[in-house]
C-alpha atoms as a PDB file:
ATOM      1  CA  MET A   1     -25.143  26.412  27.885  1.00  0.00           C
ATOM      2  CA  PRO A   2     -22.234  28.883  27.700  1.00  0.00           C
ATOM      3  CA  ARG A   3     -19.997  28.613  24.667  1.00  0.00           C
ATOM      4  CA  HIS A   4     -16.758  26.745  25.297  1.00  0.00           C
ATOM      5  CA  PRO A   5     -13.789  29.090  24.778  1.00  0.00           C
ATOM      6  CA  ASP A   6     -12.026  26.562  22.502  1.00  0.00           C
ATOM      7  CA  PRO A   7     -14.450  23.962  21.117  1.00  0.00           C
ATOM      8  CA  PHE A   8     -11.746  22.032  19.284  1.00  0.00           C
ATOM      9  CA  SER A   9      -8.925  21.619  21.788  1.00  0.00           C
ATOM     10  CA  ASP A  10     -10.821  19.070  23.886  1.00  0.00           C
ATOM     11  CA  VAL A  11     -11.688  17.050  20.772  1.00  0.00           C
ATOM     12  CA  LEU A  12      -8.061  17.169  19.638  1.00  0.00           C
ATOM     13  CA  ALA A  13      -6.845  15.984  23.045  1.00  0.00           C
ATOM     14  CA  TRP A  14      -9.370  13.134  22.995  1.00  0.00           C
ATOM     15  CA  LEU A  15      -8.321  12.098  19.461  1.00  0.00           C
ATOM     16  CA  HIS A  16      -4.689  11.868  20.573  1.00  0.00           C
ATOM     17  CA  VAL A  17      -5.684   9.738  23.571  1.00  0.00           C
ATOM     18  CA  VAL A  18      -7.568   7.346  21.280  1.00  0.00           C
ATOM     19  CA  ARG A  19      -4.720   7.094  18.777  1.00  0.00           C
ATOM     20  CA  GLU A  20      -1.960   6.776  21.359  1.00  0.00           C
ATOM     21  CA  GLY A  21      -3.968   4.511  23.660  1.00  0.00           C
ATOM     22  CA  SER A  22      -2.666   6.435  26.643  1.00  0.00           C
ATOM     23  CA  PHE A  23      -3.195   9.776  28.390  1.00  0.00           C
ATOM     24  CA  THR A  24       0.532   9.984  29.084  1.00  0.00           C
ATOM     25  CA  ARG A  25       1.588   9.435  25.461  1.00  0.00           C
ATOM     26  CA  ALA A  26      -1.104  11.815  24.233  1.00  0.00           C
ATOM     27  CA  ALA A  27       0.184  14.457  26.655  1.00  0.00           C
ATOM     28  CA  ALA A  28       3.740  13.982  25.373  1.00  0.00           C
ATOM     29  CA  ARG A  29       2.532  14.369  21.785  1.00  0.00           C
ATOM     30  CA  LEU A  30       0.662  17.570  22.670  1.00  0.00           C
ATOM     31  CA  ASP A  31       3.460  18.838  24.961  1.00  0.00           C
ATOM     32  CA  VAL A  32       1.118  19.281  27.927  1.00  0.00           C
ATOM     33  CA  THR A  33       0.616  17.457  31.218  1.00  0.00           C
ATOM     34  CA  ALA A  34      -1.343  14.222  31.497  1.00  0.00           C
ATOM     35  CA  SER A  35      -3.707  15.900  33.951  1.00  0.00           C
ATOM     36  CA  ALA A  36      -4.457  18.599  31.367  1.00  0.00           C
ATOM     37  CA  VAL A  37      -5.351  15.939  28.797  1.00  0.00           C
ATOM     38  CA  SER A  38      -7.521  14.092  31.321  1.00  0.00           C
ATOM     39  CA  HIS A  39      -9.276  17.349  32.197  1.00  0.00           C
ATOM     40  CA  ALA A  40      -9.901  18.085  28.504  1.00  0.00           C
ATOM     41  CA  VAL A  41     -11.413  14.643  27.881  1.00  0.00           C
ATOM     42  CA  LYS A  42     -13.642  14.896  30.949  1.00  0.00           C
ATOM     43  CA  GLY A  43     -14.742  18.349  29.818  1.00  0.00           C
ATOM     44  CA  LEU A  44     -15.623  17.027  26.359  1.00  0.00           C
ATOM     45  CA  GLU A  45     -17.647  14.156  27.843  1.00  0.00           C
ATOM     46  CA  ALA A  46     -19.420  16.608  30.161  1.00  0.00           C
ATOM     47  CA  ARG A  47     -20.320  18.936  27.286  1.00  0.00           C
ATOM     48  CA  LEU A  48     -21.640  16.051  25.164  1.00  0.00           C
ATOM     49  CA  GLY A  49     -23.367  14.310  28.055  1.00  0.00           C
ATOM     50  CA  VAL A  50     -22.024  10.873  27.094  1.00  0.00           C
ATOM     51  CA  ARG A  51     -19.086   8.660  27.953  1.00  0.00           C
ATOM     52  CA  LEU A  52     -16.557   8.431  25.130  1.00  0.00           C
ATOM     53  CA  LEU A  53     -13.911   6.244  26.750  1.00  0.00           C
ATOM     54  CA  VAL A  54     -13.966   3.251  29.047  1.00  0.00           C
ATOM     55  CA  ARG A  55     -10.874   3.304  31.251  1.00  0.00           C
ATOM     56  CA  THR A  56      -9.494   0.078  32.731  1.00  0.00           C
ATOM     57  CA  THR A  57      -6.226  -0.629  34.497  1.00  0.00           C
ATOM     58  CA  ARG A  58      -4.693  -2.015  31.306  1.00  0.00           C
ATOM     59  CA  ARG A  59      -6.194  -0.148  28.381  1.00  0.00           C
ATOM     60  CA  LEU A  60      -8.627   2.400  27.004  1.00  0.00           C
ATOM     61  CA  ALA A  61     -11.607   1.446  24.869  1.00  0.00           C
ATOM     62  CA  LEU A  62     -14.116   3.494  22.919  1.00  0.00           C
ATOM     63  CA  THR A  63     -17.771   3.414  23.872  1.00  0.00           C
ATOM     64  CA  GLU A  64     -20.368   3.214  21.104  1.00  0.00           C
ATOM     65  CA  ALA A  65     -20.716   6.999  21.242  1.00  0.00           C
ATOM     66  CA  GLY A  66     -16.929   7.322  21.146  1.00  0.00           C
ATOM     67  CA  GLN A  67     -16.712   5.107  18.057  1.00  0.00           C
ATOM     68  CA  GLN A  68     -19.357   7.214  16.315  1.00  0.00           C
ATOM     69  CA  LEU A  69     -17.592  10.478  17.136  1.00  0.00           C
ATOM     70  CA  TYR A  70     -14.166   9.136  16.150  1.00  0.00           C
ATOM     71  CA  ALA A  71     -15.440   7.922  12.771  1.00  0.00           C
ATOM     72  CA  ALA A  72     -17.001  11.319  12.140  1.00  0.00           C
ATOM     73  CA  VAL A  73     -14.255  13.728  13.234  1.00  0.00           C
ATOM     74  CA  ALA A  74     -10.902  11.914  12.867  1.00  0.00           C
ATOM     75  CA  PRO A  75     -10.806  12.137   9.033  1.00  0.00           C
ATOM     76  CA  ARG A  76     -11.704  15.854   9.205  1.00  0.00           C
ATOM     77  CA  PHE A  77      -8.851  16.618  11.578  1.00  0.00           C
ATOM     78  CA  ASP A  78      -6.515  14.647   9.286  1.00  0.00           C
ATOM     79  CA  GLU A  79      -7.651  16.795   6.356  1.00  0.00           C
ATOM     80  CA  ILE A  80      -6.982  19.973   8.357  1.00  0.00           C
ATOM     81  CA  ASP A  81      -3.495  18.720   9.285  1.00  0.00           C
ATOM     82  CA  ALA A  82      -2.756  17.941   5.635  1.00  0.00           C
ATOM     83  CA  GLU A  83      -3.901  21.363   4.455  1.00  0.00           C
ATOM     84  CA  VAL A  84      -1.898  23.147   7.178  1.00  0.00           C
ATOM     85  CA  ASP A  85       1.187  21.123   6.201  1.00  0.00           C
ATOM     86  CA  ALA A  86       0.657  22.031   2.559  1.00  0.00           C
ATOM     87  CA  VAL A  87       0.529  25.748   3.365  1.00  0.00           C
ATOM     88  CA  ARG A  88       3.556  25.461   5.662  1.00  0.00           C
ATOM     89  CA  ASP A  89       5.510  23.776   2.864  1.00  0.00           C
ATOM     90  CA  LEU A  90       4.984  26.819   0.622  1.00  0.00           C
ATOM     91  CA  GLY A  91       7.567  28.669   2.663  1.00  0.00           C
ATOM     92  CA  ALA A  92       9.883  25.837   3.620  1.00  0.00           C
ATOM     93  CA  ARG A  93      11.769  22.966   2.088  1.00  0.00           C
ATOM     94  CA  PRO A  94       9.486  19.908   1.879  1.00  0.00           C
ATOM     95  CA  ALA A  95       9.713  17.744   4.986  1.00  0.00           C
ATOM     96  CA  GLY A  96       7.668  15.168   6.849  1.00  0.00           C
ATOM     97  CA  THR A  97       6.803  11.476   6.788  1.00  0.00           C
ATOM     98  CA  ILE A  98       4.967   9.972   3.824  1.00  0.00           C
ATOM     99  CA  ARG A  99       3.358   6.580   4.533  1.00  0.00           C
ATOM    100  CA  ILE A 100       2.662   4.403   1.492  1.00  0.00           C
ATOM    101  CA  THR A 101       1.034   0.981   1.299  1.00  0.00           C
ATOM    102  CA  ALA A 102       2.059  -1.211  -1.643  1.00  0.00           C
ATOM    103  CA  ALA A 103       2.507  -4.817  -2.684  1.00  0.00           C
ATOM    104  CA  GLU A 104       6.004  -6.295  -2.536  1.00  0.00           C
ATOM    105  CA  HIS A 105       6.677  -6.124  -6.277  1.00  0.00           C
ATOM    106  CA  ALA A 106       5.706  -2.447  -6.519  1.00  0.00           C
ATOM    107  CA  ALA A 107       7.746  -1.614  -3.410  1.00  0.00           C
ATOM    108  CA  ASN A 108      10.893  -3.328  -4.703  1.00  0.00           C
ATOM    109  CA  CYS A 109      10.731  -2.614  -8.429  1.00  0.00           C
ATOM    110  CA  VAL A 110       9.079   0.832  -8.582  1.00  0.00           C
ATOM    111  CA  LEU A 111       9.084   2.694  -5.267  1.00  0.00           C
ATOM    112  CA  TRP A 112      12.604   1.837  -4.143  1.00  0.00           C
ATOM    113  CA  PRO A 113      14.560   2.629  -7.342  1.00  0.00           C
ATOM    114  CA  LYS A 114      12.659   5.838  -8.116  1.00  0.00           C
ATOM    115  CA  LEU A 115      12.594   7.261  -4.598  1.00  0.00           C
ATOM    116  CA  ALA A 116      16.172   6.234  -3.765  1.00  0.00           C
ATOM    117  CA  ALA A 117      17.314   8.359  -6.702  1.00  0.00           C
ATOM    118  CA  VAL A 118      15.752  11.539  -5.277  1.00  0.00           C
ATOM    119  CA  LEU A 119      15.452  11.406  -1.511  1.00  0.00           C
ATOM    120  CA  ARG A 120      19.099  12.307  -0.909  1.00  0.00           C
ATOM    121  CA  ASP A 121      18.155  15.773  -2.167  1.00  0.00           C
ATOM    122  CA  TYR A 122      15.375  16.029   0.451  1.00  0.00           C
ATOM    123  CA  PRO A 123      16.831  14.981   3.808  1.00  0.00           C
ATOM    124  CA  GLY A 124      13.737  16.242   5.625  1.00  0.00           C
ATOM    125  CA  ILE A 125      11.427  13.734   3.915  1.00  0.00           C
ATOM    126  CA  ARG A 126      10.966  10.302   5.452  1.00  0.00           C
ATOM    127  CA  VAL A 127       9.222   7.532   3.499  1.00  0.00           C
ATOM    128  CA  GLU A 128       7.579   4.633   5.297  1.00  0.00           C
ATOM    129  CA  ILE A 129       6.522   1.782   2.996  1.00  0.00           C
ATOM    130  CA  SER A 130       4.172  -0.891   4.303  1.00  0.00           C
ATOM    131  CA  VAL A 131       4.203  -4.049   2.170  1.00  0.00           C
ATOM    132  CA  ASP A 132       0.596  -5.169   2.106  1.00  0.00           C
ATOM    133  CA  TYR A 133      -1.493  -7.228  -0.315  1.00  0.00           C
ATOM    134  CA  ALA A 134      -4.802  -6.629   1.472  1.00  0.00           C
ATOM    135  CA  LEU A 135      -5.848  -3.484  -0.461  1.00  0.00           C
ATOM    136  CA  SER A 136      -5.935  -1.395   2.714  1.00  0.00           C
ATOM    137  CA  ASP A 137      -8.223   1.615   3.033  1.00  0.00           C
ATOM    138  CA  ILE A 138      -5.605   4.355   3.045  1.00  0.00           C
ATOM    139  CA  VAL A 139      -7.895   6.866   4.754  1.00  0.00           C
ATOM    140  CA  SER A 140      -8.899   4.707   7.721  1.00  0.00           C
ATOM    141  CA  GLU A 141      -5.393   3.221   8.018  1.00  0.00           C
ATOM    142  CA  ARG A 142      -3.878   6.743   7.892  1.00  0.00           C
ATOM    143  CA  PHE A 143      -1.637   6.200   4.874  1.00  0.00           C
ATOM    144  CA  ASP A 144      -0.769   9.197   2.732  1.00  0.00           C
ATOM    145  CA  ALA A 145      -0.941   7.173  -0.469  1.00  0.00           C
ATOM    146  CA  GLY A 146      -1.226   3.663  -1.812  1.00  0.00           C
ATOM    147  CA  VAL A 147      -0.080   1.747  -4.876  1.00  0.00           C
ATOM    148  CA  ARG A 148      -2.370  -0.522  -6.855  1.00  0.00           C
ATOM    149  CA  LEU A 149      -2.864  -1.758 -10.383  1.00  0.00           C
ATOM    150  CA  GLY A 150      -4.874   0.711 -12.425  1.00  0.00           C
ATOM    151  CA  ASP A 151      -8.206  -1.105 -12.317  1.00  0.00           C
ATOM    152  CA  GLN A 152      -8.130  -1.401  -8.501  1.00  0.00           C
ATOM    153  CA  VAL A 153      -8.156   2.334  -7.684  1.00  0.00           C
ATOM    154  CA  ALA A 154     -11.369   3.824  -6.250  1.00  0.00           C
ATOM    155  CA  LYS A 155     -13.042   6.518  -8.320  1.00  0.00           C
ATOM    156  CA  ASP A 156     -12.755   9.225  -5.659  1.00  0.00           C
ATOM    157  CA  MET A 157      -8.951   9.083  -5.661  1.00  0.00           C
ATOM    158  CA  ILE A 158      -6.319  10.979  -7.614  1.00  0.00           C
ATOM    159  CA  ALA A 159      -4.449   8.334  -9.596  1.00  0.00           C
ATOM    160  CA  VAL A 160      -0.927   8.921 -10.921  1.00  0.00           C
ATOM    161  CA  ARG A 161       0.618   6.278 -13.153  1.00  0.00           C
ATOM    162  CA  ILE A 162       4.032   5.250 -11.852  1.00  0.00           C
ATOM    163  CA  SER A 163       4.995   2.333 -14.100  1.00  0.00           C
ATOM    164  CA  PRO A 164       4.638   1.201 -17.695  1.00  0.00           C
ATOM    165  CA  ASP A 165       2.458  -1.772 -18.590  1.00  0.00           C
ATOM    166  CA  LEU A 166       3.582  -4.993 -16.928  1.00  0.00           C
ATOM    167  CA  ARG A 167       3.957  -8.594 -18.086  1.00  0.00           C
ATOM    168  CA  MET A 168       4.143 -11.876 -16.251  1.00  0.00           C
ATOM    169  CA  ALA A 169       6.769 -14.540 -16.980  1.00  0.00           C
ATOM    170  CA  VAL A 170       6.793 -18.307 -16.524  1.00  0.00           C
ATOM    171  CA  VAL A 171      10.296 -19.367 -15.532  1.00  0.00           C
ATOM    172  CA  GLY A 172      12.134 -22.443 -14.327  1.00  0.00           C
ATOM    173  CA  SER A 173      15.736 -23.450 -13.660  1.00  0.00           C
ATOM    174  CA  PRO A 174      17.906 -25.326 -16.172  1.00  0.00           C
ATOM    175  CA  ASP A 175      17.959 -28.219 -13.694  1.00  0.00           C
ATOM    176  CA  TYR A 176      14.148 -28.277 -13.642  1.00  0.00           C
ATOM    177  CA  PHE A 177      13.949 -28.388 -17.450  1.00  0.00           C
ATOM    178  CA  ALA A 178      16.456 -31.227 -17.470  1.00  0.00           C
ATOM    179  CA  ARG A 179      13.740 -33.222 -15.697  1.00  0.00           C
ATOM    180  CA  TYR A 180      10.594 -31.816 -17.331  1.00  0.00           C
ATOM    181  CA  ARG A 181       9.789 -31.106 -20.979  1.00  0.00           C
ATOM    182  CA  LYS A 182       9.254 -27.401 -21.691  1.00  0.00           C
ATOM    183  CA  PRO A 183       5.534 -26.572 -22.057  1.00  0.00           C
ATOM    184  CA  ALA A 184       4.355 -25.444 -25.477  1.00  0.00           C
ATOM    185  CA  SER A 185       1.002 -24.128 -24.224  1.00  0.00           C
ATOM    186  CA  PRO A 186      -0.642 -23.420 -20.857  1.00  0.00           C
ATOM    187  CA  HIS A 187      -2.480 -26.752 -21.114  1.00  0.00           C
ATOM    188  CA  ASP A 188       0.882 -28.540 -20.843  1.00  0.00           C
ATOM    189  CA  LEU A 189       1.345 -27.123 -17.332  1.00  0.00           C
ATOM    190  CA  ALA A 190      -0.816 -29.945 -15.933  1.00  0.00           C
ATOM    191  CA  ALA A 191       2.298 -32.106 -16.174  1.00  0.00           C
ATOM    192  CA  HIS A 192       4.482 -29.604 -14.305  1.00  0.00           C
ATOM    193  CA  GLN A 193       5.245 -28.487 -10.747  1.00  0.00           C
ATOM    194  CA  GLY A 194       4.358 -24.915  -9.807  1.00  0.00           C
ATOM    195  CA  VAL A 195       5.567 -22.622  -7.025  1.00  0.00           C
ATOM    196  CA  ASN A 196       2.385 -20.786  -6.087  1.00  0.00           C
ATOM    197  CA  LEU A 197       1.159 -17.549  -4.544  1.00  0.00           C
ATOM    198  CA  ARG A 198      -1.667 -17.134  -2.034  1.00  0.00           C
ATOM    199  CA  LEU A 199      -2.860 -13.587  -1.262  1.00  0.00           C
ATOM    200  CA  PRO A 200      -5.247 -12.403   1.487  1.00  0.00           C
ATOM    201  CA  THR A 201      -7.313 -10.527  -1.103  1.00  0.00           C
ATOM    202  CA  HIS A 202      -8.114 -13.770  -2.943  1.00  0.00           C
ATOM    203  CA  GLY A 203      -8.106 -16.386  -0.171  1.00  0.00           C
ATOM    204  CA  GLY A 204      -7.180 -19.295  -2.419  1.00  0.00           C
ATOM    205  CA  ILE A 205      -4.085 -19.939  -4.503  1.00  0.00           C
ATOM    206  CA  LEU A 206      -3.896 -17.563  -7.456  1.00  0.00           C
ATOM    207  CA  PRO A 207      -4.477 -19.126 -10.863  1.00  0.00           C
ATOM    208  CA  TRP A 208      -2.085 -18.379 -13.706  1.00  0.00           C
ATOM    209  CA  ASP A 209      -3.765 -16.181 -16.341  1.00  0.00           C
ATOM    210  CA  PHE A 210      -2.710 -16.392 -19.983  1.00  0.00           C
ATOM    211  CA  ALA A 211      -3.964 -14.914 -23.248  1.00  0.00           C
ATOM    212  CA  LYS A 212      -3.008 -15.256 -26.894  1.00  0.00           C
ATOM    213  CA  GLN A 213      -4.772 -13.980 -30.012  1.00  0.00           C
ATOM    214  CA  GLY A 214      -7.865 -13.129 -28.003  1.00  0.00           C
ATOM    215  CA  LYS A 215      -8.019 -16.524 -26.307  1.00  0.00           C
ATOM    216  CA  ALA A 216      -7.805 -16.443 -22.499  1.00  0.00           C
ATOM    217  CA  VAL A 217      -6.678 -19.444 -20.468  1.00  0.00           C
ATOM    218  CA  LYS A 218      -6.660 -19.770 -16.683  1.00  0.00           C
ATOM    219  CA  VAL A 219      -4.775 -22.707 -15.144  1.00  0.00           C
ATOM    220  CA  ARG A 220      -3.700 -23.968 -11.742  1.00  0.00           C
ATOM    221  CA  VAL A 221      -0.299 -25.599 -11.447  1.00  0.00           C
ATOM    222  CA  GLU A 222       0.059 -27.864  -8.432  1.00  0.00           C
ATOM    223  CA  GLY A 223       3.330 -28.012  -6.506  1.00  0.00           C
ATOM    224  CA  GLN A 224       5.031 -28.459  -3.135  1.00  0.00           C
ATOM    225  CA  TRP A 225       5.517 -24.782  -2.285  1.00  0.00           C
ATOM    226  CA  VAL A 226       3.070 -21.922  -1.665  1.00  0.00           C
ATOM    227  CA  PHE A 227       4.141 -18.432  -0.516  1.00  0.00           C
ATOM    228  CA  ASN A 228       2.398 -15.128   0.149  1.00  0.00           C
ATOM    229  CA  SER A 229       5.000 -13.011  -1.668  1.00  0.00           C
ATOM    230  CA  SER A 230       6.931 -13.257  -4.923  1.00  0.00           C
ATOM    231  CA  THR A 231      10.566 -13.123  -3.756  1.00  0.00           C
ATOM    232  CA  PRO A 232      10.603 -16.621  -2.185  1.00  0.00           C
ATOM    233  CA  ILE A 233       8.752 -17.941  -5.250  1.00  0.00           C
ATOM    234  CA  VAL A 234      11.670 -16.874  -7.460  1.00  0.00           C
ATOM    235  CA  ARG A 235      14.120 -18.419  -4.978  1.00  0.00           C
ATOM    236  CA  ALA A 236      12.282 -21.753  -5.063  1.00  0.00           C
ATOM    237  CA  ALA A 237      12.244 -21.688  -8.866  1.00  0.00           C
ATOM    238  CA  ARG A 238      16.010 -21.092  -8.939  1.00  0.00           C
ATOM    239  CA  ALA A 239      16.387 -24.116  -6.666  1.00  0.00           C
ATOM    240  CA  GLY A 240      14.538 -26.287  -9.186  1.00  0.00           C
ATOM    241  CA  TYR A 241      11.343 -26.893  -7.208  1.00  0.00           C
ATOM    242  CA  GLY A 242       9.073 -25.868 -10.058  1.00  0.00           C
ATOM    243  CA  LEU A 243       7.908 -23.156 -12.405  1.00  0.00           C
ATOM    244  CA  ALA A 244       7.236 -19.624 -11.164  1.00  0.00           C
ATOM    245  CA  PHE A 245       4.657 -17.203 -12.548  1.00  0.00           C
ATOM    246  CA  VAL A 246       5.987 -13.754 -11.594  1.00  0.00           C
ATOM    247  CA  PRO A 247       6.367 -10.227 -13.029  1.00  0.00           C
ATOM    248  CA  GLU A 248       9.052 -10.369 -15.700  1.00  0.00           C
ATOM    249  CA  ASP A 249      11.120  -7.495 -14.278  1.00  0.00           C
ATOM    250  CA  MET A 250      11.729  -9.595 -11.145  1.00  0.00           C
ATOM    251  CA  VAL A 251      13.646 -12.204 -13.146  1.00  0.00           C
ATOM    252  CA  GLN A 252      15.424 -10.180 -15.835  1.00  0.00           C
ATOM    253  CA  GLU A 253      18.837 -10.620 -14.199  1.00  0.00           C
ATOM    254  CA  ASP A 254      18.241 -14.375 -13.785  1.00  0.00           C
ATOM    255  CA  LEU A 255      17.225 -14.696 -17.424  1.00  0.00           C
ATOM    256  CA  ALA A 256      20.330 -12.780 -18.558  1.00  0.00           C
ATOM    257  CA  ALA A 257      22.572 -14.937 -16.335  1.00  0.00           C
ATOM    258  CA  GLY A 258      20.895 -18.193 -17.389  1.00  0.00           C
ATOM    259  CA  THR A 259      19.908 -19.155 -13.838  1.00  0.00           C
ATOM    260  CA  LEU A 260      16.277 -19.157 -14.985  1.00  0.00           C
ATOM    261  CA  VAL A 261      14.774 -20.014 -18.373  1.00  0.00           C
ATOM    262  CA  ARG A 262      11.570 -18.473 -19.717  1.00  0.00           C
ATOM    263  CA  VAL A 263       8.736 -20.391 -21.392  1.00  0.00           C
ATOM    264  CA  LEU A 264       5.266 -19.531 -22.769  1.00  0.00           C
ATOM    265  CA  GLU A 265       6.356 -15.935 -23.449  1.00  0.00           C
ATOM    266  CA  ALA A 266       3.835 -15.503 -26.280  1.00  0.00           C
ATOM    267  CA  TRP A 267       1.025 -16.336 -23.834  1.00  0.00           C
ATOM    268  CA  CYS A 268       1.996 -13.588 -21.371  1.00  0.00           C
ATOM    269  CA  GLN A 269       0.316 -10.396 -22.574  1.00  0.00           C
ATOM    270  CA  PRO A 270       0.870  -6.891 -21.126  1.00  0.00           C
ATOM    271  CA  TYR A 271      -1.550  -5.525 -18.517  1.00  0.00           C
ATOM    272  CA  PRO A 272      -1.953  -2.014 -16.992  1.00  0.00           C
ATOM    273  CA  GLY A 273       0.792  -1.011 -14.588  1.00  0.00           C
ATOM    274  CA  TYR A 274       0.860   0.585 -11.142  1.00  0.00           C
ATOM    275  CA  TYR A 275      -0.761   3.805  -9.986  1.00  0.00           C
ATOM    276  CA  LEU A 276      -0.013   5.861  -6.893  1.00  0.00           C
ATOM    277  CA  TYR A 277      -3.304   7.122  -5.479  1.00  0.00           C
ATOM    278  CA  TYR A 278      -4.393   9.505  -2.724  1.00  0.00           C
ATOM    279  CA  PRO A 279      -7.676  11.220  -1.711  1.00  0.00           C
ATOM    280  CA  SER A 280      -8.843  13.768  -4.262  1.00  0.00           C
ATOM    281  CA  ARG A 281     -10.220  16.075  -1.555  1.00  0.00           C
ATOM    282  CA  LEU A 282      -6.792  16.675  -0.049  1.00  0.00           C
ATOM    283  CA  HIS A 283      -4.183  19.146  -1.263  1.00  0.00           C
ATOM    284  CA  PRO A 284      -0.936  17.149  -1.287  1.00  0.00           C
ATOM    285  CA  SER A 285       1.741  18.356   1.116  1.00  0.00           C
ATOM    286  CA  GLY A 286       5.094  19.464  -0.235  1.00  0.00           C
ATOM    287  CA  ALA A 287       6.618  16.129   0.798  1.00  0.00           C
ATOM    288  CA  LEU A 288       3.904  14.140  -0.961  1.00  0.00           C
ATOM    289  CA  ALA A 289       4.268  16.324  -4.043  1.00  0.00           C
ATOM    290  CA  VAL A 290       7.979  15.465  -4.178  1.00  0.00           C
ATOM    291  CA  VAL A 291       7.167  11.753  -3.900  1.00  0.00           C
ATOM    292  CA  VAL A 292       4.507  11.974  -6.625  1.00  0.00           C
ATOM    293  CA  GLU A 293       6.849  13.714  -9.052  1.00  0.00           C
ATOM    294  CA  ALA A 294       9.648  11.245  -8.335  1.00  0.00           C
ATOM    295  CA  LEU A 295       7.367   8.287  -9.030  1.00  0.00           C
ATOM    296  CA  ARG A 296       5.373   9.653 -11.959  1.00  0.00           C
ATOM    297  CA  HIS A 297       5.560   7.630 -15.179  1.00  0.00           C
ATOM    298  CA  ARG A 298       6.276  10.405 -17.647  1.00  0.00           C
ATOM    299  CA  ASP A 299       4.099   9.064 -20.475  1.00  0.00           C
ATOM    300  CA  THR A 300       0.878   9.410 -18.453  1.00  0.00           C
ATOM    301  CA  PRO A 301      -0.519  12.582 -16.780  1.00  0.00           C
ATOM    302  CA  GLU A 302      -2.109  12.747 -13.341  1.00  0.00           C
ATOM    303  CA  ARG A 303      -5.874  12.336 -13.421  1.00  0.00           C
ATOM    304  CA  PRO A 304      -8.754  11.583 -11.064  1.00  0.00           C
ATOM    305  CA  GLY A 305     -10.149   8.082 -10.907  1.00  0.00           C
ATOM    306  CA  PRO A 306      -8.707   4.707 -11.867  1.00  0.00           C
ATOM    307  CA  ALA A 307      -7.309   3.434 -15.110  1.00  0.00           C
ATOM    308  CA  ARG A 308      -9.438   0.858 -16.891  1.00  0.00           C
ATOM    309  CA  ARG A 309      -8.246  -2.325 -18.490  1.00  0.00           C
END
């Protein structure tokens, strides 16, 4: 079989078709005609001797062979793109889109304040933050980086600490405590109403974890309201519907203003904070390097692998 003059261009065209779900959109991304993209895909299928795509009137679908090829080559092309971008950034001001997946608390209390303070100096950098509790695979989901607590980071990732240790807080409104006696220990919470959190990574309602003098206590506090993010939990607590168990930095202004009152503080011990992580095999682009430096918690150096509790 004669050697194809450009063995990668057909694969690249096919990858764009898969990701865009359309020959027309793939052609626009590559700045060529749709017929050229179609010809490239047909040529690739002819060289491999297998069908890679099933074309219907409404959509495109991968065959089994197409799924196998996509899983094998897509990450490699992403690595090449990242390395090319990194080299390009050596001679230009950092630019590009950085996609980050993070939980709501990290997005609001760490990513936003730190990045907002620097991005005005880098107008070419765009940051896209996806609020997600599902611990997404950043490689397969095509994120540049993710944010997790230290003990949730895979070992093959570069992990950069971006926050100090965190603490939880149990809070309720003055109106709520006018109706319920303040708890002296976690065991007293059985007589209270709780505003609870349910996350996709856990399935059920999250228990409230406490510790004091080496003694750990895990409790469940029943109540009328359950949410899948912390912001509405704080709102419901302000409205007097029950106690909230949330990161303390979310309620500092409420505590200072007296709109929320804290209890069981001695039972809420610090735990490791957030880390930004990204694949260790990739050289970070100039844009990602700017984001990493903006977020870095200065007391902790960058290192491979996760933090341990």
